[in-house]
Amino acid sequence: DESIIRNMLGAEAESYTELGDLEAAKKT
């Protein structure tokens, strides 16, 4: 489902943000 894929992308980006890697979050 598109919704679960988007949620996974968002969770990945959020995790990069929490780790301080804003560039990786943006690329995600």
mmCIF file of all heavy atoms, coordinates in Angstrom:
data_MODEL
# 
_entry.id   MODEL 
# 
loop_
_atom_site.group_PDB 
_atom_site.id 
_atom_site.type_symbol 
_atom_site.label_atom_id 
_atom_site.label_alt_id 
_atom_site.label_comp_id 
_atom_site.label_asym_id 
_atom_site.label_entity_id 
_atom_site.label_seq_id 
_atom_site.pdbx_PDB_ins_code 
_atom_site.Cartn_x 
_atom_site.Cartn_y 
_atom_site.Cartn_z 
_atom_site.occupancy 
_atom_site.B_iso_or_equiv 
_atom_site.pdbx_formal_charge 
_atom_site.auth_seq_id 
_atom_site.auth_comp_id 
_atom_site.auth_asym_id 
_atom_site.auth_atom_id 
_atom_site.pdbx_PDB_model_num 
ATOM 1   N N   . ASP A 1 1  ? 0.827  -1.207 0.000  1.00 0.00 ? 1  ASP A N   1 
ATOM 2   C CA  . ASP A 1 1  ? 0.000  0.000  0.000  1.00 0.00 ? 1  ASP A CA  1 
ATOM 3   C C   . ASP A 1 1  ? 0.863  1.259  0.000  1.00 0.00 ? 1  ASP A C   1 
ATOM 4   O O   . ASP A 1 1  ? 1.865  1.326  0.721  1.00 0.00 ? 1  ASP A O   1 
ATOM 5   C CB  . ASP A 1 1  ? -0.833 0.049  1.285  1.00 0.00 ? 1  ASP A CB  1 
ATOM 6   C CG  . ASP A 1 1  ? -2.243 -0.405 1.105  1.00 0.00 ? 1  ASP A CG  1 
ATOM 7   O OD1 . ASP A 1 1  ? -2.541 -1.065 0.110  1.00 0.00 ? 1  ASP A OD1 1 
ATOM 8   O OD2 . ASP A 1 1  ? -3.043 -0.082 2.010  1.00 0.00 ? 1  ASP A OD2 1 
ATOM 9   N N   . GLU A 1 2  ? 0.450  2.254  -0.750 1.00 0.00 ? 2  GLU A N   1 
ATOM 10  C CA  . GLU A 1 2  ? 1.174  3.524  -0.796 1.00 0.00 ? 2  GLU A CA  1 
ATOM 11  C C   . GLU A 1 2  ? 1.310  4.126  0.595  1.00 0.00 ? 2  GLU A C   1 
ATOM 12  O O   . GLU A 1 2  ? 2.358  4.675  0.937  1.00 0.00 ? 2  GLU A O   1 
ATOM 13  C CB  . GLU A 1 2  ? 0.444  4.504  -1.722 1.00 0.00 ? 2  GLU A CB  1 
ATOM 14  C CG  . GLU A 1 2  ? 1.141  5.830  -1.858 1.00 0.00 ? 2  GLU A CG  1 
ATOM 15  C CD  . GLU A 1 2  ? 0.442  6.765  -2.830 1.00 0.00 ? 2  GLU A CD  1 
ATOM 16  O OE1 . GLU A 1 2  ? -0.212 6.295  -3.773 1.00 0.00 ? 2  GLU A OE1 1 
ATOM 17  O OE2 . GLU A 1 2  ? 0.568  7.983  -2.623 1.00 0.00 ? 2  GLU A OE2 1 
ATOM 18  N N   . SER A 1 3  ? 0.285  3.973  1.416  1.00 0.00 ? 3  SER A N   1 
ATOM 19  C CA  . SER A 1 3  ? 0.334  4.571  2.758  1.00 0.00 ? 3  SER A CA  1 
ATOM 20  C C   . SER A 1 3  ? 1.429  3.950  3.617  1.00 0.00 ? 3  SER A C   1 
ATOM 21  O O   . SER A 1 3  ? 2.132  4.666  4.343  1.00 0.00 ? 3  SER A O   1 
ATOM 22  C CB  . SER A 1 3  ? -1.021 4.449  3.456  1.00 0.00 ? 3  SER A CB  1 
ATOM 23  O OG  . SER A 1 3  ? -1.359 3.086  3.654  1.00 0.00 ? 3  SER A OG  1 
ATOM 24  N N   . ILE A 1 4  ? 1.608  2.651  3.546  1.00 0.00 ? 4  ILE A N   1 
ATOM 25  C CA  . ILE A 1 4  ? 2.638  2.008  4.370  1.00 0.00 ? 4  ILE A CA  1 
ATOM 26  C C   . ILE A 1 4  ? 4.034  2.350  3.846  1.00 0.00 ? 4  ILE A C   1 
ATOM 27  O O   . ILE A 1 4  ? 4.960  2.569  4.620  1.00 0.00 ? 4  ILE A O   1 
ATOM 28  C CB  . ILE A 1 4  ? 2.408  0.485  4.500  1.00 0.00 ? 4  ILE A CB  1 
ATOM 29  C CG1 . ILE A 1 4  ? 3.251  -0.089 5.636  1.00 0.00 ? 4  ILE A CG1 1 
ATOM 30  C CG2 . ILE A 1 4  ? 2.675  -0.246 3.225  1.00 0.00 ? 4  ILE A CG2 1 
ATOM 31  C CD1 . ILE A 1 4  ? 2.928  -1.526 5.987  1.00 0.00 ? 4  ILE A CD1 1 
ATOM 32  N N   . ILE A 1 5  ? 4.181  2.447  2.523  1.00 0.00 ? 5  ILE A N   1 
ATOM 33  C CA  . ILE A 1 5  ? 5.473  2.835  1.947  1.00 0.00 ? 5  ILE A CA  1 
ATOM 34  C C   . ILE A 1 5  ? 5.818  4.264  2.383  1.00 0.00 ? 5  ILE A C   1 
ATOM 35  O O   . ILE A 1 5  ? 6.944  4.552  2.805  1.00 0.00 ? 5  ILE A O   1 
ATOM 36  C CB  . ILE A 1 5  ? 5.466  2.720  0.406  1.00 0.00 ? 5  ILE A CB  1 
ATOM 37  C CG1 . ILE A 1 5  ? 5.253  1.271  -0.044 1.00 0.00 ? 5  ILE A CG1 1 
ATOM 38  C CG2 . ILE A 1 5  ? 6.732  3.320  -0.191 1.00 0.00 ? 5  ILE A CG2 1 
ATOM 39  C CD1 . ILE A 1 5  ? 6.387  0.323  0.246  1.00 0.00 ? 5  ILE A CD1 1 
ATOM 40  N N   . ARG A 1 6  ? 4.848  5.161  2.314  1.00 0.00 ? 6  ARG A N   1 
ATOM 41  C CA  . ARG A 1 6  ? 5.084  6.548  2.749  1.00 0.00 ? 6  ARG A CA  1 
ATOM 42  C C   . ARG A 1 6  ? 5.413  6.605  4.239  1.00 0.00 ? 6  ARG A C   1 
ATOM 43  O O   . ARG A 1 6  ? 6.280  7.371  4.664  1.00 0.00 ? 6  ARG A O   1 
ATOM 44  C CB  . ARG A 1 6  ? 3.876  7.422  2.441  1.00 0.00 ? 6  ARG A CB  1 
ATOM 45  C CG  . ARG A 1 6  ? 3.760  7.780  0.980  1.00 0.00 ? 6  ARG A CG  1 
ATOM 46  C CD  . ARG A 1 6  ? 2.695  8.873  0.773  1.00 0.00 ? 6  ARG A CD  1 
ATOM 47  N NE  . ARG A 1 6  ? 2.492  9.142  -0.623 1.00 0.00 ? 6  ARG A NE  1 
ATOM 48  C CZ  . ARG A 1 6  ? 3.239  9.981  -1.335 1.00 0.00 ? 6  ARG A CZ  1 
ATOM 49  N NH1 . ARG A 1 6  ? 4.238  10.609 -0.774 1.00 0.00 ? 6  ARG A NH1 1 
ATOM 50  N NH2 . ARG A 1 6  ? 2.988  10.181 -2.616 1.00 0.00 ? 6  ARG A NH2 1 
ATOM 51  N N   . ASN A 1 7  ? 4.723  5.795  5.044  1.00 0.00 ? 7  ASN A N   1 
ATOM 52  C CA  . ASN A 1 7  ? 5.014  5.764  6.478  1.00 0.00 ? 7  ASN A CA  1 
ATOM 53  C C   . ASN A 1 7  ? 6.440  5.287  6.737  1.00 0.00 ? 7  ASN A C   1 
ATOM 54  O O   . ASN A 1 7  ? 7.128  5.817  7.609  1.00 0.00 ? 7  ASN A O   1 
ATOM 55  C CB  . ASN A 1 7  ? 4.024  4.865  7.217  1.00 0.00 ? 7  ASN A CB  1 
ATOM 56  C CG  . ASN A 1 7  ? 2.650  5.479  7.326  1.00 0.00 ? 7  ASN A CG  1 
ATOM 57  O OD1 . ASN A 1 7  ? 2.463  6.672  7.125  1.00 0.00 ? 7  ASN A OD1 1 
ATOM 58  N ND2 . ASN A 1 7  ? 1.666  4.650  7.628  1.00 0.00 ? 7  ASN A ND2 1 
ATOM 59  N N   . MET A 1 8  ? 6.877  4.283  5.980  1.00 0.00 ? 8  MET A N   1 
ATOM 60  C CA  . MET A 1 8  ? 8.242  3.768  6.145  1.00 0.00 ? 8  MET A CA  1 
ATOM 61  C C   . MET A 1 8  ? 9.265  4.832  5.735  1.00 0.00 ? 8  MET A C   1 
ATOM 62  O O   . MET A 1 8  ? 10.291 5.010  6.397  1.00 0.00 ? 8  MET A O   1 
ATOM 63  C CB  . MET A 1 8  ? 8.449  2.487  5.350  1.00 0.00 ? 8  MET A CB  1 
ATOM 64  C CG  . MET A 1 8  ? 7.651  1.303  5.863  1.00 0.00 ? 8  MET A CG  1 
ATOM 65  S SD  . MET A 1 8  ? 8.188  0.755  7.494  1.00 0.00 ? 8  MET A SD  1 
ATOM 66  C CE  . MET A 1 8  ? 6.992  -0.526 7.823  1.00 0.00 ? 8  MET A CE  1 
ATOM 67  N N   . LEU A 1 9  ? 8.998  5.534  4.649  1.00 0.00 ? 9  LEU A N   1 
ATOM 68  C CA  . LEU A 1 9  ? 9.884  6.631  4.232  1.00 0.00 ? 9  LEU A CA  1 
ATOM 69  C C   . LEU A 1 9  ? 9.936  7.715  5.310  1.00 0.00 ? 9  LEU A C   1 
ATOM 70  O O   . LEU A 1 9  ? 11.008 8.236  5.640  1.00 0.00 ? 9  LEU A O   1 
ATOM 71  C CB  . LEU A 1 9  ? 9.414  7.233  2.907  1.00 0.00 ? 9  LEU A CB  1 
ATOM 72  C CG  . LEU A 1 9  ? 9.718  6.435  1.650  1.00 0.00 ? 9  LEU A CG  1 
ATOM 73  C CD1 . LEU A 1 9  ? 8.908  6.965  0.467  1.00 0.00 ? 9  LEU A CD1 1 
ATOM 74  C CD2 . LEU A 1 9  ? 11.199 6.457  1.338  1.00 0.00 ? 9  LEU A CD2 1 
ATOM 75  N N   . GLY A 1 10 ? 8.782  8.064  5.858  1.00 0.00 ? 10 GLY A N   1 
ATOM 76  C CA  . GLY A 1 10 ? 8.725  9.082  6.907  1.00 0.00 ? 10 GLY A CA  1 
ATOM 77  C C   . GLY A 1 10 ? 9.459  8.650  8.165  1.00 0.00 ? 10 GLY A C   1 
ATOM 78  O O   . GLY A 1 10 ? 10.177 9.443  8.785  1.00 0.00 ? 10 GLY A O   1 
ATOM 79  N N   . ALA A 1 11 ? 9.304  7.383  8.539  1.00 0.00 ? 11 ALA A N   1 
ATOM 80  C CA  . ALA A 1 11 ? 9.985  6.863  9.732  1.00 0.00 ? 11 ALA A CA  1 
ATOM 81  C C   . ALA A 1 11 ? 11.496 6.859  9.529  1.00 0.00 ? 11 ALA A C   1 
ATOM 82  O O   . ALA A 1 11 ? 12.262 7.186  10.443 1.00 0.00 ? 11 ALA A O   1 
ATOM 83  C CB  . ALA A 1 11 ? 9.488  5.451  10.043 1.00 0.00 ? 11 ALA A CB  1 
ATOM 84  N N   . GLU A 1 12 ? 11.916 6.511  8.323  1.00 0.00 ? 12 GLU A N   1 
ATOM 85  C CA  . GLU A 1 12 ? 13.348 6.529  8.017  1.00 0.00 ? 12 GLU A CA  1 
ATOM 86  C C   . GLU A 1 12 ? 13.890 7.959  8.115  1.00 0.00 ? 12 GLU A C   1 
ATOM 87  O O   . GLU A 1 12 ? 14.927 8.203  8.745  1.00 0.00 ? 12 GLU A O   1 
ATOM 88  C CB  . GLU A 1 12 ? 13.601 5.951  6.633  1.00 0.00 ? 12 GLU A CB  1 
ATOM 89  C CG  . GLU A 1 12 ? 15.058 5.847  6.277  1.00 0.00 ? 12 GLU A CG  1 
ATOM 90  C CD  . GLU A 1 12 ? 15.299 5.262  4.901  1.00 0.00 ? 12 GLU A CD  1 
ATOM 91  O OE1 . GLU A 1 12 ? 14.414 4.603  4.334  1.00 0.00 ? 12 GLU A OE1 1 
ATOM 92  O OE2 . GLU A 1 12 ? 16.413 5.485  4.384  1.00 0.00 ? 12 GLU A OE2 1 
ATOM 93  N N   . ALA A 1 13 ? 13.188 8.901  7.505  1.00 0.00 ? 13 ALA A N   1 
ATOM 94  C CA  . ALA A 1 13 ? 13.616 10.302 7.542  1.00 0.00 ? 13 ALA A CA  1 
ATOM 95  C C   . ALA A 1 13 ? 13.636 10.826 8.979  1.00 0.00 ? 13 ALA A C   1 
ATOM 96  O O   . ALA A 1 13 ? 14.580 11.529 9.382  1.00 0.00 ? 13 ALA A O   1 
ATOM 97  C CB  . ALA A 1 13 ? 12.701 11.157 6.673  1.00 0.00 ? 13 ALA A CB  1 
ATOM 98  N N   . GLU A 1 14 ? 12.621 10.491 9.748  1.00 0.00 ? 14 GLU A N   1 
ATOM 99  C CA  . GLU A 1 14 ? 12.568 10.915 11.146 1.00 0.00 ? 14 GLU A CA  1 
ATOM 100 C C   . GLU A 1 14 ? 13.758 10.356 11.932 1.00 0.00 ? 14 GLU A C   1 
ATOM 101 O O   . GLU A 1 14 ? 14.360 11.068 12.745 1.00 0.00 ? 14 GLU A O   1 
ATOM 102 C CB  . GLU A 1 14 ? 11.258 10.432 11.768 1.00 0.00 ? 14 GLU A CB  1 
ATOM 103 C CG  . GLU A 1 14 ? 11.091 10.760 13.225 1.00 0.00 ? 14 GLU A CG  1 
ATOM 104 C CD  . GLU A 1 14 ? 9.805  10.205 13.780 1.00 0.00 ? 14 GLU A CD  1 
ATOM 105 O OE1 . GLU A 1 14 ? 9.769  9.000  14.119 1.00 0.00 ? 14 GLU A OE1 1 
ATOM 106 O OE2 . GLU A 1 14 ? 8.843  10.974 13.874 1.00 0.00 ? 14 GLU A OE2 1 
ATOM 107 N N   . SER A 1 15 ? 14.106 9.104  11.662 1.00 0.00 ? 15 SER A N   1 
ATOM 108 C CA  . SER A 1 15 ? 15.233 8.489  12.363 1.00 0.00 ? 15 SER A CA  1 
ATOM 109 C C   . SER A 1 15 ? 16.548 9.172  12.007 1.00 0.00 ? 15 SER A C   1 
ATOM 110 O O   . SER A 1 15 ? 17.376 9.426  12.883 1.00 0.00 ? 15 SER A O   1 
ATOM 111 C CB  . SER A 1 15 ? 15.296 6.989  12.039 1.00 0.00 ? 15 SER A CB  1 
ATOM 112 O OG  . SER A 1 15 ? 14.149 6.337  12.536 1.00 0.00 ? 15 SER A OG  1 
ATOM 113 N N   . TYR A 1 16 ? 16.739 9.466  10.727 1.00 0.00 ? 16 TYR A N   1 
ATOM 114 C CA  . TYR A 1 16 ? 17.941 10.211 10.331 1.00 0.00 ? 16 TYR A CA  1 
ATOM 115 C C   . TYR A 1 16 ? 17.984 11.559 11.037 1.00 0.00 ? 16 TYR A C   1 
ATOM 116 O O   . TYR A 1 16 ? 19.042 12.002 11.498 1.00 0.00 ? 16 TYR A O   1 
ATOM 117 C CB  . TYR A 1 16 ? 17.986 10.431 8.813  1.00 0.00 ? 16 TYR A CB  1 
ATOM 118 C CG  . TYR A 1 16 ? 18.486 9.258  8.025  1.00 0.00 ? 16 TYR A CG  1 
ATOM 119 C CD1 . TYR A 1 16 ? 17.712 8.718  6.998  1.00 0.00 ? 16 TYR A CD1 1 
ATOM 120 C CD2 . TYR A 1 16 ? 19.744 8.694  8.256  1.00 0.00 ? 16 TYR A CD2 1 
ATOM 121 C CE1 . TYR A 1 16 ? 18.174 7.643  6.236  1.00 0.00 ? 16 TYR A CE1 1 
ATOM 122 C CE2 . TYR A 1 16 ? 20.214 7.622  7.505  1.00 0.00 ? 16 TYR A CE2 1 
ATOM 123 C CZ  . TYR A 1 16 ? 19.425 7.106  6.497  1.00 0.00 ? 16 TYR A CZ  1 
ATOM 124 O OH  . TYR A 1 16 ? 19.883 6.056  5.752  1.00 0.00 ? 16 TYR A OH  1 
ATOM 125 N N   . THR A 1 17 ? 16.845 12.225 11.138 1.00 0.00 ? 17 THR A N   1 
ATOM 126 C CA  . THR A 1 17 ? 16.778 13.525 11.807 1.00 0.00 ? 17 THR A CA  1 
ATOM 127 C C   . THR A 1 17 ? 17.178 13.392 13.273 1.00 0.00 ? 17 THR A C   1 
ATOM 128 O O   . THR A 1 17 ? 17.956 14.192 13.789 1.00 0.00 ? 17 THR A O   1 
ATOM 129 C CB  . THR A 1 17 ? 15.366 14.131 11.680 1.00 0.00 ? 17 THR A CB  1 
ATOM 130 O OG1 . THR A 1 17 ? 15.059 14.294 10.293 1.00 0.00 ? 17 THR A OG1 1 
ATOM 131 C CG2 . THR A 1 17 ? 15.262 15.461 12.388 1.00 0.00 ? 17 THR A CG2 1 
ATOM 132 N N   . GLU A 1 18 ? 16.642 12.371 13.928 1.00 0.00 ? 18 GLU A N   1 
ATOM 133 C CA  . GLU A 1 18 ? 16.967 12.159 15.346 1.00 0.00 ? 18 GLU A CA  1 
ATOM 134 C C   . GLU A 1 18 ? 18.450 11.849 15.545 1.00 0.00 ? 18 GLU A C   1 
ATOM 135 O O   . GLU A 1 18 ? 19.009 12.142 16.597 1.00 0.00 ? 18 GLU A O   1 
ATOM 136 C CB  . GLU A 1 18 ? 16.110 11.034 15.932 1.00 0.00 ? 18 GLU A CB  1 
ATOM 137 C CG  . GLU A 1 18 ? 14.642 11.387 16.055 1.00 0.00 ? 18 GLU A CG  1 
ATOM 138 C CD  . GLU A 1 18 ? 14.385 12.523 17.046 1.00 0.00 ? 18 GLU A CD  1 
ATOM 139 O OE1 . GLU A 1 18 ? 15.157 12.687 18.010 1.00 0.00 ? 18 GLU A OE1 1 
ATOM 140 O OE2 . GLU A 1 18 ? 13.406 13.263 16.850 1.00 0.00 ? 18 GLU A OE2 1 
ATOM 141 N N   . LEU A 1 19 ? 19.078 11.270 14.528 1.00 0.00 ? 19 LEU A N   1 
ATOM 142 C CA  . LEU A 1 19 ? 20.513 10.968 14.590 1.00 0.00 ? 19 LEU A CA  1 
ATOM 143 C C   . LEU A 1 19 ? 21.365 12.158 14.156 1.00 0.00 ? 19 LEU A C   1 
ATOM 144 O O   . LEU A 1 19 ? 22.594 12.082 14.147 1.00 0.00 ? 19 LEU A O   1 
ATOM 145 C CB  . LEU A 1 19 ? 20.829 9.750  13.721 1.00 0.00 ? 19 LEU A CB  1 
ATOM 146 C CG  . LEU A 1 19 ? 20.253 8.425  14.210 1.00 0.00 ? 19 LEU A CG  1 
ATOM 147 C CD1 . LEU A 1 19 ? 20.419 7.348  13.154 1.00 0.00 ? 19 LEU A CD1 1 
ATOM 148 C CD2 . LEU A 1 19 ? 20.904 8.004  15.527 1.00 0.00 ? 19 LEU A CD2 1 
ATOM 149 N N   . GLY A 1 20 ? 20.706 13.271 13.759 1.00 0.00 ? 20 GLY A N   1 
ATOM 150 C CA  . GLY A 1 20 ? 21.423 14.475 13.367 1.00 0.00 ? 20 GLY A CA  1 
ATOM 151 C C   . GLY A 1 20 ? 21.884 14.499 11.922 1.00 0.00 ? 20 GLY A C   1 
ATOM 152 O O   . GLY A 1 20 ? 22.653 15.374 11.537 1.00 0.00 ? 20 GLY A O   1 
ATOM 153 N N   . ASP A 1 21 ? 21.406 13.579 11.110 1.00 0.00 ? 21 ASP A N   1 
ATOM 154 C CA  . ASP A 1 21 ? 21.801 13.517 9.698  1.00 0.00 ? 21 ASP A CA  1 
ATOM 155 C C   . ASP A 1 21 ? 20.671 14.099 8.839  1.00 0.00 ? 21 ASP A C   1 
ATOM 156 O O   . ASP A 1 21 ? 19.887 13.375 8.227  1.00 0.00 ? 21 ASP A O   1 
ATOM 157 C CB  . ASP A 1 21 ? 22.110 12.077 9.293  1.00 0.00 ? 21 ASP A CB  1 
ATOM 158 C CG  . ASP A 1 21 ? 22.786 11.984 7.935  1.00 0.00 ? 21 ASP A CG  1 
ATOM 159 O OD1 . ASP A 1 21 ? 22.756 12.973 7.168  1.00 0.00 ? 21 ASP A OD1 1 
ATOM 160 O OD2 . ASP A 1 21 ? 23.336 10.905 7.637  1.00 0.00 ? 21 ASP A OD2 1 
ATOM 161 N N   . LEU A 1 22 ? 20.606 15.424 8.821  1.00 0.00 ? 22 LEU A N   1 
ATOM 162 C CA  . LEU A 1 22 ? 19.517 16.103 8.112  1.00 0.00 ? 22 LEU A CA  1 
ATOM 163 C C   . LEU A 1 22 ? 19.619 15.914 6.603  1.00 0.00 ? 22 LEU A C   1 
ATOM 164 O O   . LEU A 1 22 ? 18.591 15.871 5.915  1.00 0.00 ? 22 LEU A O   1 
ATOM 165 C CB  . LEU A 1 22 ? 19.501 17.581 8.470  1.00 0.00 ? 22 LEU A CB  1 
ATOM 166 C CG  . LEU A 1 22 ? 19.281 17.898 9.952  1.00 0.00 ? 22 LEU A CG  1 
ATOM 167 C CD1 . LEU A 1 22 ? 19.271 19.405 10.187 1.00 0.00 ? 22 LEU A CD1 1 
ATOM 168 C CD2 . LEU A 1 22 ? 18.002 17.258 10.459 1.00 0.00 ? 22 LEU A CD2 1 
ATOM 169 N N   . GLU A 1 23 ? 20.822 15.778 6.086  1.00 0.00 ? 23 GLU A N   1 
ATOM 170 C CA  . GLU A 1 23 ? 20.997 15.555 4.647  1.00 0.00 ? 23 GLU A CA  1 
ATOM 171 C C   . GLU A 1 23 ? 20.395 14.213 4.228  1.00 0.00 ? 23 GLU A C   1 
ATOM 172 O O   . GLU A 1 23 ? 19.689 14.125 3.230  1.00 0.00 ? 23 GLU A O   1 
ATOM 173 C CB  . GLU A 1 23 ? 22.483 15.623 4.275  1.00 0.00 ? 23 GLU A CB  1 
ATOM 174 C CG  . GLU A 1 23 ? 22.732 15.594 2.786  1.00 0.00 ? 23 GLU A CG  1 
ATOM 175 C CD  . GLU A 1 23 ? 22.130 16.792 2.041  1.00 0.00 ? 23 GLU A CD  1 
ATOM 176 O OE1 . GLU A 1 23 ? 22.046 17.889 2.613  1.00 0.00 ? 23 GLU A OE1 1 
ATOM 177 O OE2 . GLU A 1 23 ? 21.730 16.610 0.874  1.00 0.00 ? 23 GLU A OE2 1 
ATOM 178 N N   . ALA A 1 24 ? 20.664 13.170 4.995  1.00 0.00 ? 24 ALA A N   1 
ATOM 179 C CA  . ALA A 1 24 ? 20.091 11.852 4.687  1.00 0.00 ? 24 ALA A CA  1 
ATOM 180 C C   . ALA A 1 24 ? 18.571 11.876 4.839  1.00 0.00 ? 24 ALA A C   1 
ATOM 181 O O   . ALA A 1 24 ? 17.855 11.259 4.044  1.00 0.00 ? 24 ALA A O   1 
ATOM 182 C CB  . ALA A 1 24 ? 20.700 10.779 5.579  1.00 0.00 ? 24 ALA A CB  1 
ATOM 183 N N   . ALA A 1 25 ? 18.087 12.609 5.839  1.00 0.00 ? 25 ALA A N   1 
ATOM 184 C CA  . ALA A 1 25 ? 16.635 12.725 6.034  1.00 0.00 ? 25 ALA A CA  1 
ATOM 185 C C   . ALA A 1 25 ? 15.997 13.373 4.814  1.00 0.00 ? 25 ALA A C   1 
ATOM 186 O O   . ALA A 1 25 ? 14.972 12.895 4.306  1.00 0.00 ? 25 ALA A O   1 
ATOM 187 C CB  . ALA A 1 25 ? 16.336 13.539 7.285  1.00 0.00 ? 25 ALA A CB  1 
ATOM 188 N N   . LYS A 1 26 ? 16.622 14.448 4.336  1.00 0.00 ? 26 LYS A N   1 
ATOM 189 C CA  . LYS A 1 26 ? 16.094 15.152 3.169  1.00 0.00 ? 26 LYS A CA  1 
ATOM 190 C C   . LYS A 1 26 ? 16.113 14.259 1.931  1.00 0.00 ? 26 LYS A C   1 
ATOM 191 O O   . LYS A 1 26 ? 15.150 14.205 1.176  1.00 0.00 ? 26 LYS A O   1 
ATOM 192 C CB  . LYS A 1 26 ? 16.913 16.421 2.921  1.00 0.00 ? 26 LYS A CB  1 
ATOM 193 C CG  . LYS A 1 26 ? 16.393 17.272 1.800  1.00 0.00 ? 26 LYS A CG  1 
ATOM 194 C CD  . LYS A 1 26 ? 17.228 18.536 1.658  1.00 0.00 ? 26 LYS A CD  1 
ATOM 195 C CE  . LYS A 1 26 ? 16.747 19.348 0.472  1.00 0.00 ? 26 LYS A CE  1 
ATOM 196 N NZ  . LYS A 1 26 ? 17.556 20.565 0.297  1.00 0.00 ? 26 LYS A NZ  1 
ATOM 197 N N   . LYS A 1 27 ? 17.200 13.526 1.741  1.00 0.00 ? 27 LYS A N   1 
ATOM 198 C CA  . LYS A 1 27 ? 17.310 12.630 0.590  1.00 0.00 ? 27 LYS A CA  1 
ATOM 199 C C   . LYS A 1 27 ? 16.280 11.502 0.645  1.00 0.00 ? 27 LYS A C   1 
ATOM 200 O O   . LYS A 1 27 ? 15.850 11.001 -0.392 1.00 0.00 ? 27 LYS A O   1 
ATOM 201 C CB  . LYS A 1 27 ? 18.717 12.032 0.506  1.00 0.00 ? 27 LYS A CB  1 
ATOM 202 C CG  . LYS A 1 27 ? 19.745 13.003 0.012  1.00 0.00 ? 27 LYS A CG  1 
ATOM 203 C CD  . LYS A 1 27 ? 21.112 12.349 -0.047 1.00 0.00 ? 27 LYS A CD  1 
ATOM 204 C CE  . LYS A 1 27 ? 22.166 13.339 -0.481 1.00 0.00 ? 27 LYS A CE  1 
ATOM 205 N NZ  . LYS A 1 27 ? 23.508 12.744 -0.471 1.00 0.00 ? 27 LYS A NZ  1 
ATOM 206 N N   . THR A 1 28 ? 15.903 11.105 1.851  1.00 0.00 ? 28 THR A N   1 
ATOM 207 C CA  . THR A 1 28 ? 14.928 10.029 2.004  1.00 0.00 ? 28 THR A CA  1 
ATOM 208 C C   . THR A 1 28 ? 13.558 10.442 1.475  1.00 0.00 ? 28 THR A C   1 
ATOM 209 O O   . THR A 1 28 ? 12.842 9.629  0.903  1.00 0.00 ? 28 THR A O   1 
ATOM 210 C CB  . THR A 1 28 ? 14.822 9.608  3.486  1.00 0.00 ? 28 THR A CB  1 
ATOM 211 O OG1 . THR A 1 28 ? 16.104 9.151  3.914  1.00 0.00 ? 28 THR A OG1 1 
ATOM 212 C CG2 . THR A 1 28 ? 13.812 8.496  3.680  1.00 0.00 ? 28 THR A CG2 1 
# 
